[in-house]
């Protein structure tokens, strides 16, 4: 398997350019370390914050099968991009299966539940408008 990297110098959100100051992460190694950590710790969930800025946060999360996450989308948008596995996303309006290499964005403020259908790794991007004074 090849080593994958994620490299961003900037990202567009709502037609705004967000500078991420050249973040470079070896996702292949990070995912393998996270999965090993899950096995050795006996935990069902492992998350790492990749970007933590006032207007954008990016996390990578590894989940074991049948570990549920319930949350409320209170920012401008969240995007879930599956890197490995498969999960079910439930909102009050719909239930969607998200497969590897796919993503889904939630823009309305709504309660949601994520349920992995197998061992799953995903990127979660949380975008917020900057606060104005």
Protein backbone atom coordinates (compact mmCIF):
# COMPACT_ATOMS: atom_id res chain seq x y z
CA UNK A 1 0.00 0.00 0.00
CA UNK A 2 1.19 3.48 -0.76
CA UNK A 3 1.64 6.17 1.82
CA UNK A 4 -0.95 8.92 1.39
CA UNK A 5 -0.55 12.54 2.32
CA UNK A 6 -3.00 15.35 2.84
CA UNK A 7 -1.64 18.72 1.90
CA UNK A 8 -3.65 21.92 2.02
CA UNK A 9 -2.46 25.46 1.66
CA UNK A 10 -5.95 26.87 1.46
CA UNK A 11 -9.58 25.87 1.36
CA UNK A 12 -12.69 27.61 0.10
CA UNK A 13 -15.77 27.86 2.32
CA UNK A 14 -18.73 30.06 1.37
CA UNK A 15 -16.53 31.71 -1.29
CA UNK A 16 -14.00 32.69 1.40
CA UNK A 17 -10.38 31.61 1.17
CA UNK A 18 -9.21 30.01 4.41
CA UNK A 19 -5.43 29.82 4.87
CA UNK A 20 -4.38 26.55 6.47
CA UNK A 21 -0.66 27.47 6.45
CA UNK A 22 0.71 24.43 4.64
CA UNK A 23 -0.43 21.50 6.71
CA UNK A 24 1.05 18.18 5.59
CA UNK A 25 0.01 14.91 7.24
CA UNK A 26 0.78 11.32 6.34
CA UNK A 27 -2.75 9.89 6.55
CA UNK A 28 -1.67 6.29 5.94
CA UNK A 29 0.61 6.26 9.02
CA UNK A 30 -1.84 8.27 11.13
CA UNK A 31 -4.73 5.90 10.36
CA UNK A 32 -2.61 2.83 11.13
CA UNK A 33 -1.47 4.36 14.45
CA UNK A 34 -5.04 5.27 15.38
CA UNK A 35 -6.32 1.76 14.62
CA UNK A 36 -3.47 0.19 16.61
CA UNK A 37 -4.26 2.52 19.50
CA UNK A 38 -7.92 1.44 19.44
CA UNK A 39 -6.95 -2.22 19.64
CA UNK A 40 -4.37 -1.76 22.41
CA UNK A 41 -6.53 0.58 24.53
CA UNK A 42 -9.76 -1.39 24.28
CA UNK A 43 -11.61 1.81 23.33
CA UNK A 44 -14.16 2.13 20.52
CA UNK A 45 -13.30 5.63 19.29
CA UNK A 46 -10.11 7.58 18.60
CA UNK A 47 -10.03 11.17 17.27
CA UNK A 48 -7.16 13.47 16.39
CA UNK A 49 -7.55 17.20 15.72
CA UNK A 50 -5.71 18.08 12.51
CA UNK A 51 -6.74 21.75 12.22
CA UNK A 52 -8.15 23.91 15.02
CA UNK A 53 -8.84 27.44 13.86
CA UNK A 54 -11.71 29.77 14.74
CA UNK A 55 -13.48 29.25 11.39
CA UNK A 56 -12.53 25.65 10.55
CA UNK A 57 -11.78 22.49 12.47
CA UNK A 58 -10.72 19.21 10.89
CA UNK A 59 -10.67 15.96 12.86
CA UNK A 60 -9.87 12.43 11.84
CA UNK A 61 -11.84 9.77 13.70
CA UNK A 62 -11.55 5.99 13.82
CA UNK A 63 -14.56 4.02 15.08
CA UNK A 64 -15.10 0.37 15.75
CA UNK A 65 -18.22 -1.37 14.46
CA UNK A 66 -21.46 -0.43 16.25
CA UNK A 67 -20.01 2.54 18.15
CA UNK A 68 -22.57 5.33 17.92
CA UNK A 69 -21.91 9.06 17.98
CA UNK A 70 -24.84 11.39 18.64
CA UNK A 71 -24.27 15.10 18.13
CA UNK A 72 -25.90 18.36 17.13
CA UNK A 73 -24.78 20.30 14.07
CA UNK A 74 -24.66 23.87 15.37
CA UNK A 75 -22.03 25.40 13.05
CA UNK A 76 -22.45 26.63 9.47
CA UNK A 77 -21.70 23.20 8.08
CA UNK A 78 -20.06 19.87 8.75
CA UNK A 79 -18.65 17.54 6.16
CA UNK A 80 -17.95 13.86 6.79
CA UNK A 81 -15.56 12.23 4.31
CA UNK A 82 -15.11 8.46 4.64
CA UNK A 83 -11.53 7.27 4.24
CA UNK A 84 -12.22 3.66 5.28
CA UNK A 85 -15.32 1.61 6.06
CA UNK A 86 -19.01 2.42 5.88
CA UNK A 87 -21.36 4.28 8.21
CA UNK A 88 -24.99 5.23 8.59
CA UNK A 89 -25.88 8.89 9.13
CA UNK A 90 -29.29 9.44 10.73
CA UNK A 91 -31.01 12.81 10.99
CA UNK A 92 -34.66 13.49 11.84
CA UNK A 93 -35.36 13.79 8.09
CA UNK A 94 -33.37 10.90 6.62
CA UNK A 95 -31.03 7.95 7.01
CA UNK A 96 -28.12 7.69 4.58
CA UNK A 97 -25.38 5.10 4.11
CA UNK A 98 -21.99 6.72 3.41
CA UNK A 99 -19.37 4.49 1.76
CA UNK A 100 -15.59 4.75 1.55
CA UNK A 101 -14.37 7.58 -0.69
CA UNK A 102 -17.71 9.45 -0.39
CA UNK A 103 -18.66 12.49 1.66
CA UNK A 104 -21.79 14.16 2.92
CA UNK A 105 -22.34 17.73 4.11
CA UNK A 106 -24.92 18.91 6.65
CA UNK A 107 -25.71 22.62 6.47
CA UNK A 108 -28.81 22.84 8.63
CA UNK A 109 -28.72 22.88 12.41
CA UNK A 110 -29.92 19.39 13.26
CA UNK A 111 -29.29 16.51 15.62
CA UNK A 112 -27.53 13.61 13.91
CA UNK A 113 -26.25 10.15 14.72
CA UNK A 114 -23.29 8.31 13.14
CA UNK A 115 -23.22 4.50 13.32
CA UNK A 116 -20.33 2.64 11.68
CA UNK A 117 -21.38 -0.54 9.89
CA UNK A 118 -17.78 -1.79 10.05
CA UNK A 119 -14.46 -0.40 11.29
CA UNK A 120 -14.55 3.15 9.92
CA UNK A 121 -12.20 6.12 9.57
CA UNK A 122 -13.45 9.55 8.49
CA UNK A 123 -12.48 13.19 8.28
CA UNK A 124 -14.87 15.61 9.95
CA UNK A 125 -14.66 19.23 8.79
CA UNK A 126 -16.53 21.78 10.88
CA UNK A 127 -16.86 25.22 9.27
CA UNK A 128 -18.06 28.34 11.06
CA UNK A 129 -18.39 31.92 9.99
CA UNK A 130 -15.95 34.19 11.79
CA UNK A 131 -17.58 36.07 14.65
CA UNK A 132 -18.11 39.76 13.91
CA UNK A 133 -18.01 42.37 16.64
